[in-house]
């Protein structure tokens, strides 16, 4: 069973990567050994500057595995991949 409090603390390192461009990352849930996250781009100064989902998932997985035993996968919901997504004007 994954410890949500430990994951939230470890997630700060990953969040700082997207916060630099005005985005954020939030914990959506835990499924067995998978951490589910959502990329938040509202208010981001440069949505296209935020790393692609596959890179973010690998970085998040590396960081979380280092800090939270038992994490085997990370899944990120990236709004840029939703049908009908339109980047905000900046």
PDB file of N, CA and C in Angstrom:
ATOM      1  N   UNK A   1       0.850  -1.189   0.000  1.00  0.00           N
ATOM      2  CA  UNK A   1       0.000   0.000   0.000  1.00  0.00           C
ATOM      3  C   UNK A   1       0.889   1.243   0.000  1.00  0.00           C
ATOM      4  N   UNK A   2       0.631   2.142  -0.921  1.00  0.00           N
ATOM      5  CA  UNK A   2       1.418   3.366  -1.018  1.00  0.00           C
ATOM      6  C   UNK A   2       0.966   4.376   0.023  1.00  0.00           C
ATOM      7  N   UNK A   3       1.924   5.108   0.572  1.00  0.00           N
ATOM      8  CA  UNK A   3       1.641   6.122   1.591  1.00  0.00           C
ATOM      9  C   UNK A   3       1.448   7.475   0.916  1.00  0.00           C
ATOM     10  N   UNK A   4       0.209   7.983   0.951  1.00  0.00           N
ATOM     11  CA  UNK A   4      -0.122   9.222   0.256  1.00  0.00           C
ATOM     12  C   UNK A   4       0.689  10.409   0.770  1.00  0.00           C
ATOM     13  N   UNK A   5       0.897  10.497   2.073  1.00  0.00           N
ATOM     14  CA  UNK A   5       1.646  11.626   2.635  1.00  0.00           C
ATOM     15  C   UNK A   5       3.081  11.650   2.121  1.00  0.00           C
ATOM     16  N   UNK A   6       3.716  10.491   2.033  1.00  0.00           N
ATOM     17  CA  UNK A   6       5.083  10.407   1.523  1.00  0.00           C
ATOM     18  C   UNK A   6       5.123  10.762   0.042  1.00  0.00           C
ATOM     19  N   UNK A   7       4.114  10.339  -0.699  1.00  0.00           N
ATOM     20  CA  UNK A   7       4.050  10.655  -2.127  1.00  0.00           C
ATOM     21  C   UNK A   7       3.896  12.156  -2.335  1.00  0.00           C
ATOM     22  N   UNK A   8       3.033  12.788  -1.559  1.00  0.00           N
ATOM     23  CA  UNK A   8       2.820  14.237  -1.679  1.00  0.00           C
ATOM     24  C   UNK A   8       4.130  14.989  -1.428  1.00  0.00           C
ATOM     25  N   UNK A   9       4.895  14.570  -0.430  1.00  0.00           N
ATOM     26  CA  UNK A   9       6.182  15.219  -0.148  1.00  0.00           C
ATOM     27  C   UNK A   9       7.169  15.019  -1.295  1.00  0.00           C
ATOM     28  N   UNK A  10       7.258  13.796  -1.802  1.00  0.00           N
ATOM     29  CA  UNK A  10       8.182  13.502  -2.904  1.00  0.00           C
ATOM     30  C   UNK A  10       7.754  14.211  -4.179  1.00  0.00           C
ATOM     31  N   UNK A  11       6.468  14.425  -4.332  1.00  0.00           N
ATOM     32  CA  UNK A  11       5.933  15.063  -5.526  1.00  0.00           C
ATOM     33  C   UNK A  11       6.373  16.523  -5.659  1.00  0.00           C
ATOM     34  N   UNK A  12       6.737  17.156  -4.549  1.00  0.00           N
ATOM     35  CA  UNK A  12       7.188  18.557  -4.594  1.00  0.00           C
ATOM     36  C   UNK A  12       8.338  18.754  -5.572  1.00  0.00           C
ATOM     37  N   UNK A  13       9.243  17.784  -5.641  1.00  0.00           N
ATOM     38  CA  UNK A  13      10.383  17.878  -6.555  1.00  0.00           C
ATOM     39  C   UNK A  13       9.912  17.891  -8.014  1.00  0.00           C
ATOM     40  N   UNK A  14       8.927  17.074  -8.319  1.00  0.00           N
ATOM     41  CA  UNK A  14       8.382  17.010  -9.677  1.00  0.00           C
ATOM     42  C   UNK A  14       7.580  18.276  -9.976  1.00  0.00           C
ATOM     43  N   UNK A  15       6.795  18.711  -9.007  1.00  0.00           N
ATOM     44  CA  UNK A  15       5.972  19.914  -9.192  1.00  0.00           C
ATOM     45  C   UNK A  15       6.840  21.124  -9.506  1.00  0.00           C
ATOM     46  N   UNK A  16       8.010  21.210  -8.908  1.00  0.00           N
ATOM     47  CA  UNK A  16       8.876  22.370  -9.141  1.00  0.00           C
ATOM     48  C   UNK A  16       9.304  22.472 -10.607  1.00  0.00           C
ATOM     49  N   UNK A  17       9.358  21.335 -11.302  1.00  0.00           N
ATOM     50  CA  UNK A  17       9.737  21.343 -12.717  1.00  0.00           C
ATOM     51  C   UNK A  17       8.687  22.036 -13.587  1.00  0.00           C
ATOM     52  N   UNK A  18       7.417  21.837 -13.281  1.00  0.00           N
ATOM     53  CA  UNK A  18       6.365  22.472 -14.081  1.00  0.00           C
ATOM     54  C   UNK A  18       5.962  23.835 -13.518  1.00  0.00           C
ATOM     55  N   UNK A  19       6.202  24.057 -12.237  1.00  0.00           N
ATOM     56  CA  UNK A  19       5.889  25.352 -11.638  1.00  0.00           C
ATOM     57  C   UNK A  19       6.771  26.453 -12.216  1.00  0.00           C
ATOM     58  N   UNK A  20       7.951  26.108 -12.701  1.00  0.00           N
ATOM     59  CA  UNK A  20       8.851  27.088 -13.306  1.00  0.00           C
ATOM     60  C   UNK A  20       8.189  27.752 -14.514  1.00  0.00           C
ATOM     61  N   UNK A  21       7.279  27.025 -15.185  1.00  0.00           N
ATOM     62  CA  UNK A  21       6.564  27.568 -16.348  1.00  0.00           C
ATOM     63  C   UNK A  21       5.133  27.968 -15.997  1.00  0.00           C
ATOM     64  N   UNK A  22       4.811  28.004 -14.702  1.00  0.00           N
ATOM     65  CA  UNK A  22       3.490  28.429 -14.267  1.00  0.00           C
ATOM     66  C   UNK A  22       2.464  27.323 -14.176  1.00  0.00           C
ATOM     67  N   UNK A  23       2.872  26.093 -14.429  1.00  0.00           N
ATOM     68  CA  UNK A  23       1.954  24.963 -14.316  1.00  0.00           C
ATOM     69  C   UNK A  23       2.042  24.345 -12.931  1.00  0.00           C
ATOM     70  N   UNK A  24       1.375  23.236 -12.756  1.00  0.00           N
ATOM     71  CA  UNK A  24       1.442  22.522 -11.485  1.00  0.00           C
ATOM     72  C   UNK A  24       1.065  21.066 -11.724  1.00  0.00           C
ATOM     73  N   UNK A  25       1.212  20.269 -10.702  1.00  0.00           N
ATOM     74  CA  UNK A  25       0.908  18.849 -10.757  1.00  0.00           C
ATOM     75  C   UNK A  25       0.135  18.529  -9.487  1.00  0.00           C
ATOM     76  N   UNK A  26      -0.956  17.780  -9.632  1.00  0.00           N
ATOM     77  CA  UNK A  26      -1.706  17.410  -8.438  1.00  0.00           C
ATOM     78  C   UNK A  26      -1.950  15.910  -8.411  1.00  0.00           C
ATOM     79  N   UNK A  27      -1.997  15.389  -7.206  1.00  0.00           N
ATOM     80  CA  UNK A  27      -2.254  13.965  -7.005  1.00  0.00           C
ATOM     81  C   UNK A  27      -3.744  13.711  -7.199  1.00  0.00           C
ATOM     82  N   UNK A  28      -4.062  12.772  -8.084  1.00  0.00           N
ATOM     83  CA  UNK A  28      -5.454  12.423  -8.358  1.00  0.00           C
ATOM     84  C   UNK A  28      -5.841  11.190  -7.549  1.00  0.00           C
ATOM     85  N   UNK A  29      -4.926  10.228  -7.482  1.00  0.00           N
ATOM     86  CA  UNK A  29      -5.246   9.018  -6.741  1.00  0.00           C
ATOM     87  C   UNK A  29      -4.133   7.995  -6.799  1.00  0.00           C
ATOM     88  N   UNK A  30      -4.339   6.926  -6.052  1.00  0.00           N
ATOM     89  CA  UNK A  30      -3.383   5.826  -5.982  1.00  0.00           C
ATOM     90  C   UNK A  30      -4.130   4.541  -6.323  1.00  0.00           C
ATOM     91  N   UNK A  31      -3.603   3.789  -7.269  1.00  0.00           N
ATOM     92  CA  UNK A  31      -4.181   2.506  -7.653  1.00  0.00           C
ATOM     93  C   UNK A  31      -3.110   1.442  -7.483  1.00  0.00           C
ATOM     94  N   UNK A  32      -3.199   0.679  -6.406  1.00  0.00           N
ATOM     95  CA  UNK A  32      -2.215  -0.365  -6.096  1.00  0.00           C
ATOM     96  C   UNK A  32      -0.809   0.234  -6.080  1.00  0.00           C
ATOM     97  N   UNK A  33      -0.023   0.017  -7.146  1.00  0.00           N
ATOM     98  CA  UNK A  33       1.354   0.526  -7.173  1.00  0.00           C
ATOM     99  C   UNK A  33       1.522   1.667  -8.181  1.00  0.00           C
ATOM    100  N   UNK A  34       0.396   2.248  -8.638  1.00  0.00           N
ATOM    101  CA  UNK A  34       0.423   3.326  -9.623  1.00  0.00           C
ATOM    102  C   UNK A  34      -0.040   4.636  -9.000  1.00  0.00           C
ATOM    103  N   UNK A  35       0.736   5.687  -9.262  1.00  0.00           N
ATOM    104  CA  UNK A  35       0.391   7.030  -8.801  1.00  0.00           C
ATOM    105  C   UNK A  35      -0.240   7.758  -9.979  1.00  0.00           C
ATOM    106  N   UNK A  36      -1.459   8.277  -9.779  1.00  0.00           N
ATOM    107  CA  UNK A  36      -2.152   9.016 -10.833  1.00  0.00           C
ATOM    108  C   UNK A  36      -2.083  10.506 -10.529  1.00  0.00           C
ATOM    109  N   UNK A  37      -1.591  11.261 -11.507  1.00  0.00           N
ATOM    110  CA  UNK A  37      -1.407  12.706 -11.362  1.00  0.00           C
ATOM    111  C   UNK A  37      -2.150  13.447 -12.462  1.00  0.00           C
ATOM    112  N   UNK A  38      -2.390  14.734 -12.233  1.00  0.00           N
ATOM    113  CA  UNK A  38      -2.987  15.593 -13.250  1.00  0.00           C
ATOM    114  C   UNK A  38      -2.080  16.797 -13.438  1.00  0.00           C
ATOM    115  N   UNK A  39      -1.779  17.098 -14.690  1.00  0.00           N
ATOM    116  CA  UNK A  39      -1.014  18.287 -15.026  1.00  0.00           C
ATOM    117  C   UNK A  39      -1.985  19.451 -15.094  1.00  0.00           C
ATOM    118  N   UNK A  40      -1.681  20.512 -14.346  1.00  0.00           N
ATOM    119  CA  UNK A  40      -2.537  21.702 -14.292  1.00  0.00           C
ATOM    120  C   UNK A  40      -1.828  22.812 -15.058  1.00  0.00           C
ATOM    121  N   UNK A  41      -2.495  23.321 -16.105  1.00  0.00           N
ATOM    122  CA  UNK A  41      -1.871  24.343 -16.944  1.00  0.00           C
ATOM    123  C   UNK A  41      -2.574  25.690 -16.864  1.00  0.00           C
ATOM    124  N   UNK A  42      -3.699  25.782 -16.135  1.00  0.00           N
ATOM    125  CA  UNK A  42      -4.374  27.064 -15.986  1.00  0.00           C
ATOM    126  C   UNK A  42      -3.402  28.048 -15.346  1.00  0.00           C
ATOM    127  N   UNK A  43      -3.201  29.170 -16.001  1.00  0.00           N
ATOM    128  CA  UNK A  43      -2.292  30.181 -15.473  1.00  0.00           C
ATOM    129  C   UNK A  43      -0.839  29.986 -15.880  1.00  0.00           C
ATOM    130  N   UNK A  44      -0.558  28.923 -16.641  1.00  0.00           N
ATOM    131  CA  UNK A  44       0.823  28.684 -17.078  1.00  0.00           C
ATOM    132  C   UNK A  44       1.233  29.762 -18.070  1.00  0.00           C
ATOM    133  N   UNK A  45       2.412  30.308 -17.872  1.00  0.00           N
ATOM    134  CA  UNK A  45       2.900  31.358 -18.763  1.00  0.00           C
ATOM    135  C   UNK A  45       3.303  30.787 -20.118  1.00  0.00           C
ATOM    136  N   UNK A  46       3.626  29.510 -20.155  1.00  0.00           N
ATOM    137  CA  UNK A  46       4.106  28.903 -21.395  1.00  0.00           C
ATOM    138  C   UNK A  46       3.731  27.422 -21.394  1.00  0.00           C
ATOM    139  N   UNK A  47       2.490  27.125 -21.816  1.00  0.00           N
ATOM    140  CA  UNK A  47       2.016  25.735 -21.800  1.00  0.00           C
ATOM    141  C   UNK A  47       2.897  24.821 -22.643  1.00  0.00           C
ATOM    142  N   UNK A  48       3.345  25.318 -23.788  1.00  0.00           N
ATOM    143  CA  UNK A  48       4.174  24.480 -24.661  1.00  0.00           C
ATOM    144  C   UNK A  48       5.577  24.284 -24.104  1.00  0.00           C
ATOM    145  N   UNK A  49       5.962  25.102 -23.113  1.00  0.00           N
ATOM    146  CA  UNK A  49       7.283  24.945 -22.483  1.00  0.00           C
ATOM    147  C   UNK A  49       7.303  23.799 -21.474  1.00  0.00           C
ATOM    148  N   UNK A  50       6.141  23.431 -20.951  1.00  0.00           N
ATOM    149  CA  UNK A  50       6.058  22.331 -19.988  1.00  0.00           C
ATOM    150  C   UNK A  50       6.385  21.036 -20.724  1.00  0.00           C
ATOM    151  N   UNK A  51       7.223  20.223 -20.107  1.00  0.00           N
ATOM    152  CA  UNK A  51       7.672  18.973 -20.731  1.00  0.00           C
ATOM    153  C   UNK A  51       6.494  18.094 -21.148  1.00  0.00           C
ATOM    154  N   UNK A  52       6.670  17.318 -22.197  1.00  0.00           N
ATOM    155  CA  UNK A  52       5.619  16.392 -22.629  1.00  0.00           C
ATOM    156  C   UNK A  52       5.320  15.351 -21.551  1.00  0.00           C
ATOM    157  N   UNK A  53       4.100  14.800 -21.600  1.00  0.00           N
ATOM    158  CA  UNK A  53       3.644  13.852 -20.594  1.00  0.00           C
ATOM    159  C   UNK A  53       4.600  12.676 -20.407  1.00  0.00           C
ATOM    160  N   UNK A  54       5.089  12.081 -21.494  1.00  0.00           N
ATOM    161  CA  UNK A  54       5.941  10.896 -21.334  1.00  0.00           C
ATOM    162  C   UNK A  54       7.230  11.216 -20.584  1.00  0.00           C
ATOM    163  N   UNK A  55       7.813  12.390 -20.818  1.00  0.00           N
ATOM    164  CA  UNK A  55       9.010  12.791 -20.062  1.00  0.00           C
ATOM    165  C   UNK A  55       8.661  13.034 -18.591  1.00  0.00           C
ATOM    166  N   UNK A  56       7.551  13.729 -18.355  1.00  0.00           N
ATOM    167  CA  UNK A  56       7.130  14.005 -16.977  1.00  0.00           C
ATOM    168  C   UNK A  56       6.839  12.713 -16.223  1.00  0.00           C
ATOM    169  N   UNK A  57       6.210  11.750 -16.899  1.00  0.00           N
ATOM    170  CA  UNK A  57       5.921  10.474 -16.237  1.00  0.00           C
ATOM    171  C   UNK A  57       7.206   9.764 -15.843  1.00  0.00           C
ATOM    172  N   UNK A  58       8.200   9.760 -16.713  1.00  0.00           N
ATOM    173  CA  UNK A  58       9.458   9.077 -16.393  1.00  0.00           C
ATOM    174  C   UNK A  58      10.185   9.784 -15.246  1.00  0.00           C
ATOM    175  N   UNK A  59      10.227  11.110 -15.278  1.00  0.00           N
ATOM    176  CA  UNK A  59      10.874  11.866 -14.201  1.00  0.00           C
ATOM    177  C   UNK A  59      10.144  11.637 -12.887  1.00  0.00           C
ATOM    178  N   UNK A  60       8.809  11.727 -12.924  1.00  0.00           N
ATOM    179  CA  UNK A  60       8.017  11.512 -11.709  1.00  0.00           C
ATOM    180  C   UNK A  60       8.233  10.107 -11.169  1.00  0.00           C
ATOM    181  N   UNK A  61       8.280   9.119 -12.056  1.00  0.00           N
ATOM    182  CA  UNK A  61       8.505   7.737 -11.625  1.00  0.00           C
ATOM    183  C   UNK A  61       9.875   7.602 -10.958  1.00  0.00           C
ATOM    184  N   UNK A  62      10.909   8.170 -11.558  1.00  0.00           N
ATOM    185  CA  UNK A  62      12.255   8.097 -10.982  1.00  0.00           C
ATOM    186  C   UNK A  62      12.296   8.737  -9.593  1.00  0.00           C
ATOM    187  N   UNK A  63      11.706   9.924  -9.479  1.00  0.00           N
ATOM    188  CA  UNK A  63      11.715  10.642  -8.194  1.00  0.00           C
ATOM    189  C   UNK A  63      10.916   9.870  -7.146  1.00  0.00           C
ATOM    190  N   UNK A  64       9.725   9.416  -7.518  1.00  0.00           N
ATOM    191  CA  UNK A  64       8.880   8.719  -6.551  1.00  0.00           C
ATOM    192  C   UNK A  64       9.472   7.372  -6.144  1.00  0.00           C
ATOM    193  N   UNK A  65      10.045   6.626  -7.089  1.00  0.00           N
ATOM    194  CA  UNK A  65      10.667   5.339  -6.745  1.00  0.00           C
ATOM    195  C   UNK A  65      11.827   5.532  -5.773  1.00  0.00           C
ATOM    196  N   UNK A  66      12.543   6.633  -5.931  1.00  0.00           N
ATOM    197  CA  UNK A  66      13.671   6.923  -5.051  1.00  0.00           C
ATOM    198  C   UNK A  66      13.195   7.219  -3.626  1.00  0.00           C
ATOM    199  N   UNK A  67      11.998   7.786  -3.493  1.00  0.00           N
ATOM    200  CA  UNK A  67      11.500   8.235  -2.196  1.00  0.00           C
ATOM    201  C   UNK A  67      10.391   7.389  -1.590  1.00  0.00           C
ATOM    202  N   UNK A  68       9.681   6.635  -2.422  1.00  0.00           N
ATOM    203  CA  UNK A  68       8.524   5.878  -1.942  1.00  0.00           C
ATOM    204  C   UNK A  68       8.625   4.434  -2.443  1.00  0.00           C
ATOM    205  N   UNK A  69       9.038   3.516  -1.583  1.00  0.00           N
ATOM    206  CA  UNK A  69       9.103   2.109  -1.991  1.00  0.00           C
ATOM    207  C   UNK A  69       7.722   1.624  -2.436  1.00  0.00           C
ATOM    208  N   UNK A  70       7.703   0.851  -3.489  1.00  0.00           N
ATOM    209  CA  UNK A  70       6.441   0.277  -3.943  1.00  0.00           C
ATOM    210  C   UNK A  70       5.818   0.961  -5.150  1.00  0.00           C
ATOM    211  N   UNK A  71       6.301   2.142  -5.501  1.00  0.00           N
ATOM    212  CA  UNK A  71       5.762   2.809  -6.688  1.00  0.00           C
ATOM    213  C   UNK A  71       6.320   2.101  -7.914  1.00  0.00           C
ATOM    214  N   UNK A  72       5.423   1.631  -8.783  1.00  0.00           N
ATOM    215  CA  UNK A  72       5.858   0.923  -9.988  1.00  0.00           C
ATOM    216  C   UNK A  72       5.542   1.699 -11.258  1.00  0.00           C
ATOM    217  N   UNK A  73       4.561   2.620 -11.171  1.00  0.00           N
ATOM    218  CA  UNK A  73       4.161   3.352 -12.373  1.00  0.00           C
ATOM    219  C   UNK A  73       3.571   4.705 -11.997  1.00  0.00           C
ATOM    220  N   UNK A  74       3.652   5.622 -12.948  1.00  0.00           N
ATOM    221  CA  UNK A  74       3.052   6.943 -12.809  1.00  0.00           C
ATOM    222  C   UNK A  74       2.239   7.210 -14.065  1.00  0.00           C
ATOM    223  N   UNK A  75       1.026   7.690 -13.865  1.00  0.00           N
ATOM    224  CA  UNK A  75       0.158   8.048 -14.984  1.00  0.00           C
ATOM    225  C   UNK A  75      -0.232   9.515 -14.819  1.00  0.00           C
ATOM    226  N   UNK A  76       0.025  10.324 -15.857  1.00  0.00           N
ATOM    227  CA  UNK A  76      -0.278  11.750 -15.791  1.00  0.00           C
ATOM    228  C   UNK A  76      -1.357  12.085 -16.816  1.00  0.00           C
ATOM    229  N   UNK A  77      -2.408  12.745 -16.340  1.00  0.00           N
ATOM    230  CA  UNK A  77      -3.447  13.262 -17.221  1.00  0.00           C
ATOM    231  C   UNK A  77      -2.980  14.636 -17.704  1.00  0.00           C
ATOM    232  N   UNK A  78      -2.660  14.728 -18.990  1.00  0.00           N
ATOM    233  CA  UNK A  78      -2.149  15.968 -19.586  1.00  0.00           C
ATOM    234  C   UNK A  78      -3.261  16.590 -20.424  1.00  0.00           C
ATOM    235  N   UNK A  79      -3.764  17.757 -20.021  1.00  0.00           N
ATOM    236  CA  UNK A  79      -4.869  18.368 -20.769  1.00  0.00           C
ATOM    237  C   UNK A  79      -4.518  18.682 -22.222  1.00  0.00           C
ATOM    238  N   UNK A  80      -3.238  18.793 -22.536  1.00  0.00           N
ATOM    239  CA  UNK A  80      -2.826  19.071 -23.910  1.00  0.00           C
ATOM    240  C   UNK A  80      -3.140  17.907 -24.837  1.00  0.00           C
ATOM    241  N   UNK A  81      -3.405  16.725 -24.258  1.00  0.00           N
ATOM    242  CA  UNK A  81      -3.717  15.541 -25.054  1.00  0.00           C
ATOM    243  C   UNK A  81      -5.216  15.268 -25.148  1.00  0.00           C
ATOM    244  N   UNK A  82      -6.036  16.102 -24.511  1.00  0.00           N
ATOM    245  CA  UNK A  82      -7.493  15.923 -24.560  1.00  0.00           C
ATOM    246  C   UNK A  82      -8.029  16.361 -25.922  1.00  0.00           C
ATOM    247  N   UNK A  83      -9.041  15.665 -26.430  1.00  0.00           N
ATOM    248  CA  UNK A  83      -9.661  16.096 -27.693  1.00  0.00           C
ATOM    249  C   UNK A  83     -10.230  17.502 -27.521  1.00  0.00           C
ATOM    250  N   UNK A  84     -10.033  18.329 -28.501  1.00  0.00           N
ATOM    251  CA  UNK A  84     -10.572  19.682 -28.444  1.00  0.00           C
ATOM    252  C   UNK A  84      -9.729  20.665 -27.655  1.00  0.00           C
ATOM    253  N   UNK A  85      -8.567  20.238 -27.191  1.00  0.00           N
ATOM    254  CA  UNK A  85      -7.699  21.146 -26.421  1.00  0.00           C
ATOM    255  C   UNK A  85      -7.264  22.321 -27.294  1.00  0.00           C
ATOM    256  N   UNK A  86      -7.375  23.509 -26.735  1.00  0.00           N
ATOM    257  CA  UNK A  86      -6.925  24.711 -27.409  1.00  0.00           C
ATOM    258  C   UNK A  86      -5.978  25.440 -26.456  1.00  0.00           C
ATOM    259  N   UNK A  87      -4.730  25.670 -26.866  1.00  0.00           N
ATOM    260  CA  UNK A  87      -3.795  26.377 -25.979  1.00  0.00           C
ATOM    261  C   UNK A  87      -4.306  27.781 -25.684  1.00  0.00           C
ATOM    262  N   UNK A  88      -4.048  28.235 -24.463  1.00  0.00           N
ATOM    263  CA  UNK A  88      -4.475  29.586 -24.108  1.00  0.00           C
ATOM    264  C   UNK A  88      -3.573  30.611 -24.788  1.00  0.00           C
ATOM    265  N   UNK A  89      -4.117  31.778 -25.011  1.00  0.00           N
ATOM    266  CA  UNK A  89      -3.336  32.868 -25.589  1.00  0.00           C
ATOM    267  C   UNK A  89      -2.410  33.408 -24.513  1.00  0.00           C
ATOM    268  N   UNK A  90      -1.197  33.791 -24.897  1.00  0.00           N
ATOM    269  CA  UNK A  90      -0.277  34.375 -23.911  1.00  0.00           C
ATOM    270  C   UNK A  90       0.437  35.530 -24.482  1.00  0.00           C
TER     271      UNK A  90
END
